Structure formats: C-alpha cells, structure tokens
Amino acid sequence: MIVAISSEENSQPGIVKMEVVENLDRETVDKFASRHVSPASKIKSNGLKIYSNVKAFIISTFHGLDCRYLQVYLDEFCYRFNHRFWEAELFNRLLSTCVSARPVTLAELTTQP
C-alpha cells in the first residue's frame, strides 16, 4: 500500500490518498509525488496517525475484510477523511454522488477477481 498525505499549515494531515500496489515502481511513486515535501518527522508522524486511523476504521467498522476489496475500503476511508470538515455540505455531496455514480450490479459484487 502506498499513502500520500498533504500537510496543512498547522502540519496536520490535510488530504490523503491511498492505493494498494503489488509492485512498487518509479511510475507509481511519481504518481503520488508531491511538489511540496514536508520535513521527514512530520511525514512520519502524520503517516503513523493515518495508518492507525485506517486500521481502527477497518477493525471497528467492518471487523476485518477480504483483501480483494481492500482498495474499496481504502477509498471509503480517504473520502471520509478528506471530507471530515465539510459537514454542512454532506447531504448535498452525498446526493450528487448518488445521482452521478454508476450502479454496481450484484454480479459485480459477487464475482471473484
């Protein structure tokens, strides 16, 4: 898994993106590369916070998961984390997402990858 974290002015984690990767190569790293690099201590500290938050989210919400769907769980965590301060817009954004999202069929949910 590769994690990208942008830092806010107060050095708190801002936006988070996570992706499950089989083989870590230069192209994957470049996709996540940031133009602004924080000091290593802030990156490590924020990374550990995010990692522990993801772990708690998965264990407490789903009580474990199937690795085939790990990316979907990480996407949900990132969405929730990245929108944590937008409570006033929550309903409208949810409605917009529901209207614009492609429906997922039962066959897609149950098909083995």
PDB file of N, CA and C in Angstrom:
ATOM      1  N   MET A   1       0.856  -1.163   0.000  1.00  0.00           N
ATOM      2  CA  MET A   1       0.000   0.000   0.000  1.00  0.00           C
ATOM      3  C   MET A   1       0.906   1.232   0.000  1.00  0.00           C
ATOM      4  N   ILE A   2       0.518   2.222  -0.790  1.00  0.00           N
ATOM      5  CA  ILE A   2       1.241   3.485  -0.822  1.00  0.00           C
ATOM      6  C   ILE A   2       0.268   4.568  -0.352  1.00  0.00           C
ATOM      7  N   VAL A   3       0.778   5.491   0.440  1.00  0.00           N
ATOM      8  CA  VAL A   3      -0.051   6.537   1.019  1.00  0.00           C
ATOM      9  C   VAL A   3       0.565   7.889   0.704  1.00  0.00           C
ATOM     10  N   ALA A   4      -0.261   8.826   0.247  1.00  0.00           N
ATOM     11  CA  ALA A   4       0.176  10.206   0.023  1.00  0.00           C
ATOM     12  C   ALA A   4      -0.620  11.095   0.964  1.00  0.00           C
ATOM     13  N   ILE A   5       0.083  12.003   1.638  1.00  0.00           N
ATOM     14  CA  ILE A   5      -0.548  12.891   2.610  1.00  0.00           C
ATOM     15  C   ILE A   5      -0.104  14.318   2.325  1.00  0.00           C
ATOM     16  N   SER A   6      -1.066  15.222   2.189  1.00  0.00           N
ATOM     17  CA  SER A   6      -0.705  16.635   2.094  1.00  0.00           C
ATOM     18  C   SER A   6      -0.831  17.224   3.488  1.00  0.00           C
ATOM     19  N   SER A   7       0.071  18.125   3.815  1.00  0.00           N
ATOM     20  CA  SER A   7       0.046  18.741   5.141  1.00  0.00           C
ATOM     21  C   SER A   7      -0.562  20.128   5.069  1.00  0.00           C
ATOM     22  N   GLU A   8      -1.310  20.470   6.101  1.00  0.00           N
ATOM     23  CA  GLU A   8      -1.901  21.794   6.210  1.00  0.00           C
ATOM     24  C   GLU A   8      -0.871  22.728   6.836  1.00  0.00           C
ATOM     25  N   GLU A   9      -1.223  23.997   6.947  1.00  0.00           N
ATOM     26  CA  GLU A   9      -0.332  24.994   7.545  1.00  0.00           C
ATOM     27  C   GLU A   9       0.087  24.602   8.962  1.00  0.00           C
ATOM     28  N   ASN A  10      -0.826  24.013   9.719  1.00  0.00           N
ATOM     29  CA  ASN A  10      -0.529  23.641  11.108  1.00  0.00           C
ATOM     30  C   ASN A  10       0.130  22.263  11.205  1.00  0.00           C
ATOM     31  N   SER A  11       0.617  21.756  10.097  1.00  0.00           N
ATOM     32  CA  SER A  11       1.305  20.460   9.965  1.00  0.00           C
ATOM     33  C   SER A  11       0.403  19.256  10.251  1.00  0.00           C
ATOM     34  N   GLN A  12      -0.898  19.473  10.303  1.00  0.00           N
ATOM     35  CA  GLN A  12      -1.840  18.372  10.437  1.00  0.00           C
ATOM     36  C   GLN A  12      -2.092  17.776   9.053  1.00  0.00           C
ATOM     37  N   PRO A  13      -2.433  16.484   8.974  1.00  0.00           N
ATOM     38  CA  PRO A  13      -2.708  15.901   7.666  1.00  0.00           C
ATOM     39  C   PRO A  13      -3.917  16.566   7.018  1.00  0.00           C
ATOM     40  N   GLY A  14      -3.802  16.895   5.739  1.00  0.00           N
ATOM     41  CA  GLY A  14      -4.891  17.530   5.006  1.00  0.00           C
ATOM     42  C   GLY A  14      -5.646  16.515   4.178  1.00  0.00           C
ATOM     43  N   ILE A  15      -5.176  16.282   2.964  1.00  0.00           N
ATOM     44  CA  ILE A  15      -5.800  15.341   2.035  1.00  0.00           C
ATOM     45  C   ILE A  15      -4.970  14.061   2.011  1.00  0.00           C
ATOM     46  N   VAL A  16      -5.654  12.924   1.974  1.00  0.00           N
ATOM     47  CA  VAL A  16      -4.994  11.625   1.978  1.00  0.00           C
ATOM     48  C   VAL A  16      -5.432  10.843   0.757  1.00  0.00           C
ATOM     49  N   LYS A  17      -4.498  10.148   0.138  1.00  0.00           N
ATOM     50  CA  LYS A  17      -4.805   9.234  -0.961  1.00  0.00           C
ATOM     51  C   LYS A  17      -4.044   7.947  -0.700  1.00  0.00           C
ATOM     52  N   MET A  18      -4.709   6.813  -0.894  1.00  0.00           N
ATOM     53  CA  MET A  18      -4.086   5.506  -0.664  1.00  0.00           C
ATOM     54  C   MET A  18      -4.364   4.602  -1.847  1.00  0.00           C
ATOM     55  N   GLU A  19      -3.392   3.773  -2.153  1.00  0.00           N
ATOM     56  CA  GLU A  19      -3.573   2.817  -3.240  1.00  0.00           C
ATOM     57  C   GLU A  19      -2.842   1.531  -2.909  1.00  0.00           C
ATOM     58  N   VAL A  20      -3.511   0.422  -3.150  1.00  0.00           N
ATOM     59  CA  VAL A  20      -2.895  -0.887  -2.978  1.00  0.00           C
ATOM     60  C   VAL A  20      -2.041  -1.129  -4.215  1.00  0.00           C
ATOM     61  N   VAL A  21      -0.785  -1.464  -4.013  1.00  0.00           N
ATOM     62  CA  VAL A  21       0.117  -1.744  -5.131  1.00  0.00           C
ATOM     63  C   VAL A  21       0.760  -3.110  -4.933  1.00  0.00           C
ATOM     64  N   GLU A  22       0.883  -3.836  -6.026  1.00  0.00           N
ATOM     65  CA  GLU A  22       1.544  -5.144  -5.980  1.00  0.00           C
ATOM     66  C   GLU A  22       3.055  -4.958  -5.982  1.00  0.00           C
ATOM     67  N   ASN A  23       3.537  -4.209  -6.955  1.00  0.00           N
ATOM     68  CA  ASN A  23       4.972  -3.943  -7.080  1.00  0.00           C
ATOM     69  C   ASN A  23       5.179  -2.440  -7.101  1.00  0.00           C
ATOM     70  N   LEU A  24       5.990  -1.966  -6.223  1.00  0.00           N
ATOM     71  CA  LEU A  24       6.248  -0.541  -6.144  1.00  0.00           C
ATOM     72  C   LEU A  24       7.329  -0.177  -7.158  1.00  0.00           C
ATOM     73  N   ASP A  25       6.952   0.637  -8.147  1.00  0.00           N
ATOM     74  CA  ASP A  25       7.920   1.066  -9.150  1.00  0.00           C
ATOM     75  C   ASP A  25       7.957   2.596  -9.213  1.00  0.00           C
ATOM     76  N   ARG A  26       8.847   3.126  -9.993  1.00  0.00           N
ATOM     77  CA  ARG A  26       9.053   4.566 -10.070  1.00  0.00           C
ATOM     78  C   ARG A  26       7.800   5.288 -10.570  1.00  0.00           C
ATOM     79  N   GLU A  27       7.089   4.708 -11.528  1.00  0.00           N
ATOM     80  CA  GLU A  27       5.885   5.337 -12.077  1.00  0.00           C
ATOM     81  C   GLU A  27       4.820   5.505 -10.996  1.00  0.00           C
ATOM     82  N   THR A  28       4.646   4.488 -10.157  1.00  0.00           N
ATOM     83  CA  THR A  28       3.665   4.562  -9.070  1.00  0.00           C
ATOM     84  C   THR A  28       4.061   5.630  -8.064  1.00  0.00           C
ATOM     85  N   VAL A  29       5.334   5.683  -7.726  1.00  0.00           N
ATOM     86  CA  VAL A  29       5.808   6.687  -6.775  1.00  0.00           C
ATOM     87  C   VAL A  29       5.626   8.084  -7.355  1.00  0.00           C
ATOM     88  N   ASP A  30       5.948   8.270  -8.630  1.00  0.00           N
ATOM     89  CA  ASP A  30       5.805   9.582  -9.273  1.00  0.00           C
ATOM     90  C   ASP A  30       4.357  10.050  -9.276  1.00  0.00           C
ATOM     91  N   LYS A  31       3.433   9.118  -9.430  1.00  0.00           N
ATOM     92  CA  LYS A  31       2.014   9.467  -9.417  1.00  0.00           C
ATOM     93  C   LYS A  31       1.602  10.073  -8.079  1.00  0.00           C
ATOM     94  N   PHE A  32       2.253   9.645  -7.036  1.00  0.00           N
ATOM     95  CA  PHE A  32       1.925  10.120  -5.703  1.00  0.00           C
ATOM     96  C   PHE A  32       2.838  11.252  -5.231  1.00  0.00           C
ATOM     97  N   ALA A  33       3.845  11.570  -6.018  1.00  0.00           N
ATOM     98  CA  ALA A  33       4.841  12.561  -5.591  1.00  0.00           C
ATOM     99  C   ALA A  33       4.193  13.929  -5.390  1.00  0.00           C
ATOM    100  N   SER A  34       4.673  14.626  -4.411  1.00  0.00           N
ATOM    101  CA  SER A  34       4.157  15.950  -4.092  1.00  0.00           C
ATOM    102  C   SER A  34       5.158  17.005  -4.519  1.00  0.00           C
ATOM    103  N   ARG A  35       4.687  18.189  -4.845  1.00  0.00           N
ATOM    104  CA  ARG A  35       5.594  19.285  -5.188  1.00  0.00           C
ATOM    105  C   ARG A  35       6.170  19.923  -3.933  1.00  0.00           C
ATOM    106  N   HIS A  36       5.463  19.768  -2.830  1.00  0.00           N
ATOM    107  CA  HIS A  36       5.946  20.324  -1.563  1.00  0.00           C
ATOM    108  C   HIS A  36       6.249  19.157  -0.629  1.00  0.00           C
ATOM    109  N   VAL A  37       7.461  19.079  -0.183  1.00  0.00           N
ATOM    110  CA  VAL A  37       7.855  17.989   0.700  1.00  0.00           C
ATOM    111  C   VAL A  37       8.023  18.537   2.108  1.00  0.00           C
ATOM    112  N   SER A  38       7.311  17.942   3.047  1.00  0.00           N
ATOM    113  CA  SER A  38       7.413  18.340   4.451  1.00  0.00           C
ATOM    114  C   SER A  38       8.648  17.691   5.066  1.00  0.00           C
ATOM    115  N   PRO A  39       9.107  18.231   6.175  1.00  0.00           N
ATOM    116  CA  PRO A  39      10.214  17.566   6.878  1.00  0.00           C
ATOM    117  C   PRO A  39       9.844  16.124   7.224  1.00  0.00           C
ATOM    118  N   ALA A  40      10.830  15.245   7.178  1.00  0.00           N
ATOM    119  CA  ALA A  40      10.595  13.811   7.381  1.00  0.00           C
ATOM    120  C   ALA A  40       9.860  13.519   8.677  1.00  0.00           C
ATOM    121  N   SER A  41      10.136  14.266   9.748  1.00  0.00           N
ATOM    122  CA  SER A  41       9.483  13.997  11.034  1.00  0.00           C
ATOM    123  C   SER A  41       7.977  14.204  10.943  1.00  0.00           C
ATOM    124  N   LYS A  42       7.536  15.244  10.202  1.00  0.00           N
ATOM    125  CA  LYS A  42       6.099  15.490  10.045  1.00  0.00           C
ATOM    126  C   LYS A  42       5.457  14.402   9.195  1.00  0.00           C
ATOM    127  N   ILE A  43       6.133  13.994   8.127  1.00  0.00           N
ATOM    128  CA  ILE A  43       5.591  12.948   7.260  1.00  0.00           C
ATOM    129  C   ILE A  43       5.437  11.657   8.039  1.00  0.00           C
ATOM    130  N   LYS A  44       6.456  11.278   8.792  1.00  0.00           N
ATOM    131  CA  LYS A  44       6.409  10.040   9.566  1.00  0.00           C
ATOM    132  C   LYS A  44       5.304  10.104  10.616  1.00  0.00           C
ATOM    133  N   SER A  45       5.214  11.198  11.320  1.00  0.00           N
ATOM    134  CA  SER A  45       4.201  11.361  12.355  1.00  0.00           C
ATOM    135  C   SER A  45       2.795  11.293  11.762  1.00  0.00           C
ATOM    136  N   ASN A  46       2.540  12.055  10.692  1.00  0.00           N
ATOM    137  CA  ASN A  46       1.228  12.044  10.059  1.00  0.00           C
ATOM    138  C   ASN A  46       0.927  10.684   9.438  1.00  0.00           C
ATOM    139  N   GLY A  47       1.931  10.057   8.852  1.00  0.00           N
ATOM    140  CA  GLY A  47       1.736   8.738   8.258  1.00  0.00           C
ATOM    141  C   GLY A  47       1.322   7.708   9.286  1.00  0.00           C
ATOM    142  N   LEU A  48       1.960   7.749  10.451  1.00  0.00           N
ATOM    143  CA  LEU A  48       1.593   6.809  11.519  1.00  0.00           C
ATOM    144  C   LEU A  48       0.187   7.073  12.032  1.00  0.00           C
ATOM    145  N   LYS A  49      -0.192   8.342  12.133  1.00  0.00           N
ATOM    146  CA  LYS A  49      -1.555   8.683  12.563  1.00  0.00           C
ATOM    147  C   LYS A  49      -2.569   8.141  11.573  1.00  0.00           C
ATOM    148  N   ILE A  50      -2.325   8.375  10.284  1.00  0.00           N
ATOM    149  CA  ILE A  50      -3.252   7.912   9.247  1.00  0.00           C
ATOM    150  C   ILE A  50      -3.325   6.397   9.255  1.00  0.00           C
ATOM    151  N   TYR A  51      -2.181   5.729   9.334  1.00  0.00           N
ATOM    152  CA  TYR A  51      -2.167   4.268   9.341  1.00  0.00           C
ATOM    153  C   TYR A  51      -2.969   3.722  10.521  1.00  0.00           C
ATOM    154  N   SER A  52      -2.787   4.287  11.697  1.00  0.00           N
ATOM    155  CA  SER A  52      -3.536   3.791  12.857  1.00  0.00           C
ATOM    156  C   SER A  52      -5.022   4.103  12.717  1.00  0.00           C
ATOM    157  N   ASN A  53      -5.372   5.234  12.090  1.00  0.00           N
ATOM    158  CA  ASN A  53      -6.784   5.556  11.850  1.00  0.00           C
ATOM    159  C   ASN A  53      -7.420   4.563  10.874  1.00  0.00           C
ATOM    160  N   VAL A  54      -6.693   4.193   9.815  1.00  0.00           N
ATOM    161  CA  VAL A  54      -7.210   3.222   8.843  1.00  0.00           C
ATOM    162  C   VAL A  54      -7.433   1.880   9.519  1.00  0.00           C
ATOM    163  N   LYS A  55      -6.462   1.468  10.290  1.00  0.00           N
ATOM    164  CA  LYS A  55      -6.558   0.185  10.988  1.00  0.00           C
ATOM    165  C   LYS A  55      -7.770   0.167  11.919  1.00  0.00           C
ATOM    166  N   ALA A  56      -7.950   1.215  12.701  1.00  0.00           N
ATOM    167  CA  ALA A  56      -9.093   1.290  13.613  1.00  0.00           C
ATOM    168  C   ALA A  56     -10.408   1.334  12.838  1.00  0.00           C
ATOM    169  N   PHE A  57     -10.442   2.069  11.734  1.00  0.00           N
ATOM    170  CA  PHE A  57     -11.640   2.176  10.894  1.00  0.00           C
ATOM    171  C   PHE A  57     -12.061   0.800  10.383  1.00  0.00           C
ATOM    172  N   ILE A  58     -11.117   0.048   9.866  1.00  0.00           N
ATOM    173  CA  ILE A  58     -11.438  -1.267   9.302  1.00  0.00           C
ATOM    174  C   ILE A  58     -11.848  -2.243  10.387  1.00  0.00           C
ATOM    175  N   ILE A  59     -11.117  -2.269  11.487  1.00  0.00           N
ATOM    176  CA  ILE A  59     -11.418  -3.223  12.562  1.00  0.00           C
ATOM    177  C   ILE A  59     -12.739  -2.889  13.246  1.00  0.00           C
ATOM    178  N   SER A  60     -12.970  -1.610  13.554  1.00  0.00           N
ATOM    179  CA  SER A  60     -14.180  -1.255  14.299  1.00  0.00           C
ATOM    180  C   SER A  60     -15.428  -1.210  13.422  1.00  0.00           C
ATOM    181  N   THR A  61     -15.274  -0.822  12.172  1.00  0.00           N
ATOM    182  CA  THR A  61     -16.440  -0.713  11.297  1.00  0.00           C
ATOM    183  C   THR A  61     -16.792  -2.030  10.632  1.00  0.00           C
ATOM    184  N   PHE A  62     -15.792  -2.715  10.110  1.00  0.00           N
ATOM    185  CA  PHE A  62     -16.057  -3.913   9.306  1.00  0.00           C
ATOM    186  C   PHE A  62     -15.610  -5.200   9.974  1.00  0.00           C
ATOM    187  N   HIS A  63     -14.903  -5.117  11.089  1.00  0.00           N
ATOM    188  CA  HIS A  63     -14.413  -6.293  11.824  1.00  0.00           C
ATOM    189  C   HIS A  63     -13.580  -7.200  10.918  1.00  0.00           C
ATOM    190  N   GLY A  64     -12.735  -6.592  10.102  1.00  0.00           N
ATOM    191  CA  GLY A  64     -11.902  -7.333   9.153  1.00  0.00           C
ATOM    192  C   GLY A  64     -12.459  -7.183   7.757  1.00  0.00           C
ATOM    193  N   LEU A  65     -11.710  -7.630   6.773  1.00  0.00           N
ATOM    194  CA  LEU A  65     -12.170  -7.506   5.394  1.00  0.00           C
ATOM    195  C   LEU A  65     -11.482  -8.515   4.506  1.00  0.00           C
ATOM    196  N   ASP A  66     -12.017  -8.667   3.321  1.00  0.00           N
ATOM    197  CA  ASP A  66     -11.450  -9.531   2.297  1.00  0.00           C
ATOM    198  C   ASP A  66     -10.445  -8.699   1.505  1.00  0.00           C
ATOM    199  N   CYS A  67      -9.236  -9.178   1.363  1.00  0.00           N
ATOM    200  CA  CYS A  67      -8.174  -8.406   0.698  1.00  0.00           C
ATOM    201  C   CYS A  67      -8.522  -8.041  -0.740  1.00  0.00           C
ATOM    202  N   ARG A  68      -9.418  -8.803  -1.375  1.00  0.00           N
ATOM    203  CA  ARG A  68      -9.808  -8.475  -2.756  1.00  0.00           C
ATOM    204  C   ARG A  68     -10.448  -7.100  -2.840  1.00  0.00           C
ATOM    205  N   TYR A  69     -11.047  -6.645  -1.757  1.00  0.00           N
ATOM    206  CA  TYR A  69     -11.764  -5.368  -1.757  1.00  0.00           C
ATOM    207  C   TYR A  69     -11.043  -4.290  -0.960  1.00  0.00           C
ATOM    208  N   LEU A  70      -9.780  -4.516  -0.648  1.00  0.00           N
ATOM    209  CA  LEU A  70      -9.031  -3.566   0.173  1.00  0.00           C
ATOM    210  C   LEU A  70      -9.038  -2.166  -0.424  1.00  0.00           C
ATOM    211  N   GLN A  71      -8.877  -2.033  -1.751  1.00  0.00           N
ATOM    212  CA  GLN A  71      -8.845  -0.703  -2.372  1.00  0.00           C
ATOM    213  C   GLN A  71     -10.156   0.039  -2.144  1.00  0.00           C
ATOM    214  N   VAL A  72     -11.275  -0.662  -2.200  1.00  0.00           N
ATOM    215  CA  VAL A  72     -12.576  -0.025  -1.986  1.00  0.00           C
ATOM    216  C   VAL A  72     -12.688   0.499  -0.551  1.00  0.00           C
ATOM    217  N   TYR A  73     -12.222  -0.288   0.413  1.00  0.00           N
ATOM    218  CA  TYR A  73     -12.244   0.153   1.803  1.00  0.00           C
ATOM    219  C   TYR A  73     -11.337   1.366   2.001  1.00  0.00           C
ATOM    220  N   LEU A  74     -10.160   1.349   1.383  1.00  0.00           N
ATOM    221  CA  LEU A  74      -9.246   2.488   1.489  1.00  0.00           C
ATOM    222  C   LEU A  74      -9.840   3.726   0.838  1.00  0.00           C
ATOM    223  N   ASP A  75     -10.529   3.546  -0.303  1.00  0.00           N
ATOM    224  CA  ASP A  75     -11.183   4.680  -0.967  1.00  0.00           C
ATOM    225  C   ASP A  75     -12.236   5.299  -0.060  1.00  0.00           C
ATOM    226  N   GLU A  76     -13.009   4.443   0.620  1.00  0.00           N
ATOM    227  CA  GLU A  76     -14.031   4.961   1.532  1.00  0.00           C
ATOM    228  C   GLU A  76     -13.384   5.734   2.686  1.00  0.00           C
ATOM    229  N   PHE A  77     -12.325   5.176   3.254  1.00  0.00           N
ATOM    230  CA  PHE A  77     -11.640   5.863   4.339  1.00  0.00           C
ATOM    231  C   PHE A  77     -11.132   7.227   3.877  1.00  0.00           C
ATOM    232  N   CYS A  78     -10.491   7.260   2.708  1.00  0.00           N
ATOM    233  CA  CYS A  78      -9.944   8.521   2.181  1.00  0.00           C
ATOM    234  C   CYS A  78     -11.054   9.538   1.946  1.00  0.00           C
ATOM    235  N   TYR A  79     -12.172   9.089   1.403  1.00  0.00           N
ATOM    236  CA  TYR A  79     -13.290  10.002   1.156  1.00  0.00           C
ATOM    237  C   TYR A  79     -13.770  10.611   2.474  1.00  0.00           C
ATOM    238  N   ARG A  80     -13.976   9.757   3.462  1.00  0.00           N
ATOM    239  CA  ARG A  80     -14.439  10.254   4.764  1.00  0.00           C
ATOM    240  C   ARG A  80     -13.417  11.197   5.398  1.00  0.00           C
ATOM    241  N   PHE A  81     -12.152  10.819   5.341  1.00  0.00           N
ATOM    242  CA  PHE A  81     -11.101  11.630   5.944  1.00  0.00           C
ATOM    243  C   PHE A  81     -10.979  12.978   5.234  1.00  0.00           C
ATOM    244  N   ASN A  82     -10.999  12.959   3.918  1.00  0.00           N
ATOM    245  CA  ASN A  82     -10.813  14.186   3.139  1.00  0.00           C
ATOM    246  C   ASN A  82     -11.999  15.133   3.235  1.00  0.00           C
ATOM    247  N   HIS A  83     -13.152  14.625   3.640  1.00  0.00           N
ATOM    248  CA  HIS A  83     -14.357  15.460   3.746  1.00  0.00           C
ATOM    249  C   HIS A  83     -14.785  15.672   5.195  1.00  0.00           C
ATOM    250  N   ARG A  84     -13.897  15.443   6.136  1.00  0.00           N
ATOM    251  CA  ARG A  84     -14.253  15.492   7.560  1.00  0.00           C
ATOM    252  C   ARG A  84     -14.658  16.873   8.053  1.00  0.00           C
ATOM    253  N   PHE A  85     -14.271  17.931   7.365  1.00  0.00           N
ATOM    254  CA  PHE A  85     -14.619  19.284   7.801  1.00  0.00           C
ATOM    255  C   PHE A  85     -15.744  19.893   6.976  1.00  0.00           C
ATOM    256  N   TRP A  86     -16.370  19.121   6.117  1.00  0.00           N
ATOM    257  CA  TRP A  86     -17.411  19.640   5.228  1.00  0.00           C
ATOM    258  C   TRP A  86     -18.801  19.178   5.648  1.00  0.00           C
ATOM    259  N   GLU A  87     -19.085  19.172   6.924  1.00  0.00           N
ATOM    260  CA  GLU A  87     -20.359  18.652   7.420  1.00  0.00           C
ATOM    261  C   GLU A  87     -21.559  19.391   6.844  1.00  0.00           C
ATOM    262  N   ALA A  88     -21.447  20.687   6.654  1.00  0.00           N
ATOM    263  CA  ALA A  88     -22.577  21.465   6.137  1.00  0.00           C
ATOM    264  C   ALA A  88     -22.953  21.043   4.721  1.00  0.00           C
ATOM    265  N   GLU A  89     -21.983  20.540   3.959  1.00  0.00           N
ATOM    266  CA  GLU A  89     -22.231  20.144   2.573  1.00  0.00           C
ATOM    267  C   GLU A  89     -22.503  18.647   2.421  1.00  0.00           C
ATOM    268  N   LEU A  90     -22.506  17.924   3.516  1.00  0.00           N
ATOM    269  CA  LEU A  90     -22.568  16.467   3.471  1.00  0.00           C
ATOM    270  C   LEU A  90     -23.756  15.931   2.677  1.00  0.00           C
ATOM    271  N   PHE A  91     -24.965  16.393   2.982  1.00  0.00           N
ATOM    272  CA  PHE A  91     -26.142  15.853   2.314  1.00  0.00           C
ATOM    273  C   PHE A  91     -26.114  16.134   0.816  1.00  0.00           C
ATOM    274  N   ASN A  92     -25.818  17.371   0.429  1.00  0.00           N
ATOM    275  CA  ASN A  92     -25.798  17.721  -0.994  1.00  0.00           C
ATOM    276  C   ASN A  92     -24.728  16.949  -1.759  1.00  0.00           C
ATOM    277  N   ARG A  93     -23.560  16.759  -1.155  1.00  0.00           N
ATOM    278  CA  ARG A  93     -22.495  16.000  -1.815  1.00  0.00           C
ATOM    279  C   ARG A  93     -22.879  14.532  -1.943  1.00  0.00           C
ATOM    280  N   LEU A  94     -23.511  13.979  -0.921  1.00  0.00           N
ATOM    281  CA  LEU A  94     -23.963  12.592  -0.982  1.00  0.00           C
ATOM    282  C   LEU A  94     -25.011  12.416  -2.073  1.00  0.00           C
ATOM    283  N   LEU A  95     -25.961  13.327  -2.126  1.00  0.00           N
ATOM    284  CA  LEU A  95     -26.997  13.265  -3.153  1.00  0.00           C
ATOM    285  C   LEU A  95     -26.384  13.358  -4.548  1.00  0.00           C
ATOM    286  N   SER A  96     -25.469  14.275  -4.736  1.00  0.00           N
ATOM    287  CA  SER A  96     -24.794  14.437  -6.027  1.00  0.00           C
ATOM    288  C   SER A  96     -24.023  13.179  -6.417  1.00  0.00           C
ATOM    289  N   THR A  97     -23.327  12.591  -5.462  1.00  0.00           N
ATOM    290  CA  THR A  97     -22.570  11.368  -5.729  1.00  0.00           C
ATOM    291  C   THR A  97     -23.491  10.214  -6.088  1.00  0.00           C
ATOM    292  N   CYS A  98     -24.601  10.082  -5.378  1.00  0.00           N
ATOM    293  CA  CYS A  98     -25.552   9.002  -5.660  1.00  0.00           C
ATOM    294  C   CYS A  98     -26.152   9.135  -7.058  1.00  0.00           C
ATOM    295  N   VAL A  99     -26.443  10.348  -7.459  1.00  0.00           N
ATOM    296  CA  VAL A  99     -27.044  10.580  -8.768  1.00  0.00           C
ATOM    297  C   VAL A  99     -26.041  10.331  -9.893  1.00  0.00           C
ATOM    298  N   SER A 100     -24.783  10.687  -9.674  1.00  0.00           N
ATOM    299  CA  SER A 100     -23.793  10.580 -10.745  1.00  0.00           C
ATOM    300  C   SER A 100     -23.040   9.253 -10.772  1.00  0.00           C
ATOM    301  N   ALA A 101     -23.133   8.460  -9.720  1.00  0.00           N
ATOM    302  CA  ALA A 101     -22.381   7.200  -9.660  1.00  0.00           C
ATOM    303  C   ALA A 101     -23.024   6.126 -10.522  1.00  0.00           C
ATOM    304  N   ARG A 102     -22.175   5.277 -11.080  1.00  0.00           N
ATOM    305  CA  ARG A 102     -22.653   4.142 -11.871  1.00  0.00           C
ATOM    306  C   ARG A 102     -23.145   3.057 -10.907  1.00  0.00           C
ATOM    307  N   PRO A 103     -24.312   2.505 -11.170  1.00  0.00           N
ATOM    308  CA  PRO A 103     -24.805   1.434 -10.291  1.00  0.00           C
ATOM    309  C   PRO A 103     -23.895   0.205 -10.355  1.00  0.00           C
ATOM    310  N   VAL A 104     -23.765  -0.479  -9.255  1.00  0.00           N
ATOM    311  CA  VAL A 104     -22.978  -1.710  -9.186  1.00  0.00           C
ATOM    312  C   VAL A 104     -23.958  -2.867  -9.115  1.00  0.00           C
ATOM    313  N   THR A 105     -23.811  -3.817 -10.000  1.00  0.00           N
ATOM    314  CA  THR A 105     -24.730  -4.961 -10.036  1.00  0.00           C
ATOM    315  C   THR A 105     -24.313  -6.019  -9.010  1.00  0.00           C
ATOM    316  N   LEU A 106     -25.253  -6.878  -8.678  1.00  0.00           N
ATOM    317  CA  LEU A 106     -24.960  -7.970  -7.751  1.00  0.00           C
ATOM    318  C   LEU A 106     -23.870  -8.871  -8.312  1.00  0.00           C
ATOM    319  N   ALA A 107     -23.890  -9.098  -9.603  1.00  0.00           N
ATOM    320  CA  ALA A 107     -22.857  -9.939 -10.224  1.00  0.00           C
ATOM    321  C   ALA A 107     -21.465  -9.340 -10.039  1.00  0.00           C
ATOM    322  N   GLU A 108     -21.358  -8.013 -10.145  1.00  0.00           N
ATOM    323  CA  GLU A 108     -20.069  -7.347  -9.952  1.00  0.00           C
ATOM    324  C   GLU A 108     -19.592  -7.472  -8.510  1.00  0.00           C
ATOM    325  N   LEU A 109     -20.532  -7.437  -7.581  1.00  0.00           N
ATOM    326  CA  LEU A 109     -20.173  -7.556  -6.170  1.00  0.00           C
ATOM    327  C   LEU A 109     -19.731  -8.957  -5.786  1.00  0.00           C
ATOM    328  N   THR A 110     -20.317  -9.945  -6.415  1.00  0.00           N
ATOM    329  CA  THR A 110     -20.057 -11.319  -6.012  1.00  0.00           C
ATOM    330  C   THR A 110     -19.070 -12.062  -6.895  1.00  0.00           C
ATOM    331  N   THR A 111     -18.650 -11.445  -7.991  1.00  0.00           N
ATOM    332  CA  THR A 111     -17.701 -12.095  -8.904  1.00  0.00           C
ATOM    333  C   THR A 111     -16.319 -12.092  -8.267  1.00  0.00           C
ATOM    334  N   GLN A 112     -15.676 -13.237  -8.318  1.00  0.00           N
ATOM    335  CA  GLN A 112     -14.319 -13.374  -7.792  1.00  0.00           C
ATOM    336  C   GLN A 112     -13.348 -12.726  -8.779  1.00  0.00           C
ATOM    337  N   PRO A 113     -12.421 -11.902  -8.288  1.00  0.00           N
ATOM    338  CA  PRO A 113     -11.431 -11.298  -9.216  1.00  0.00           C
ATOM    339  C   PRO A 113     -10.408 -12.310  -9.690  1.00  0.00           C
TER     340      PRO A 113
END
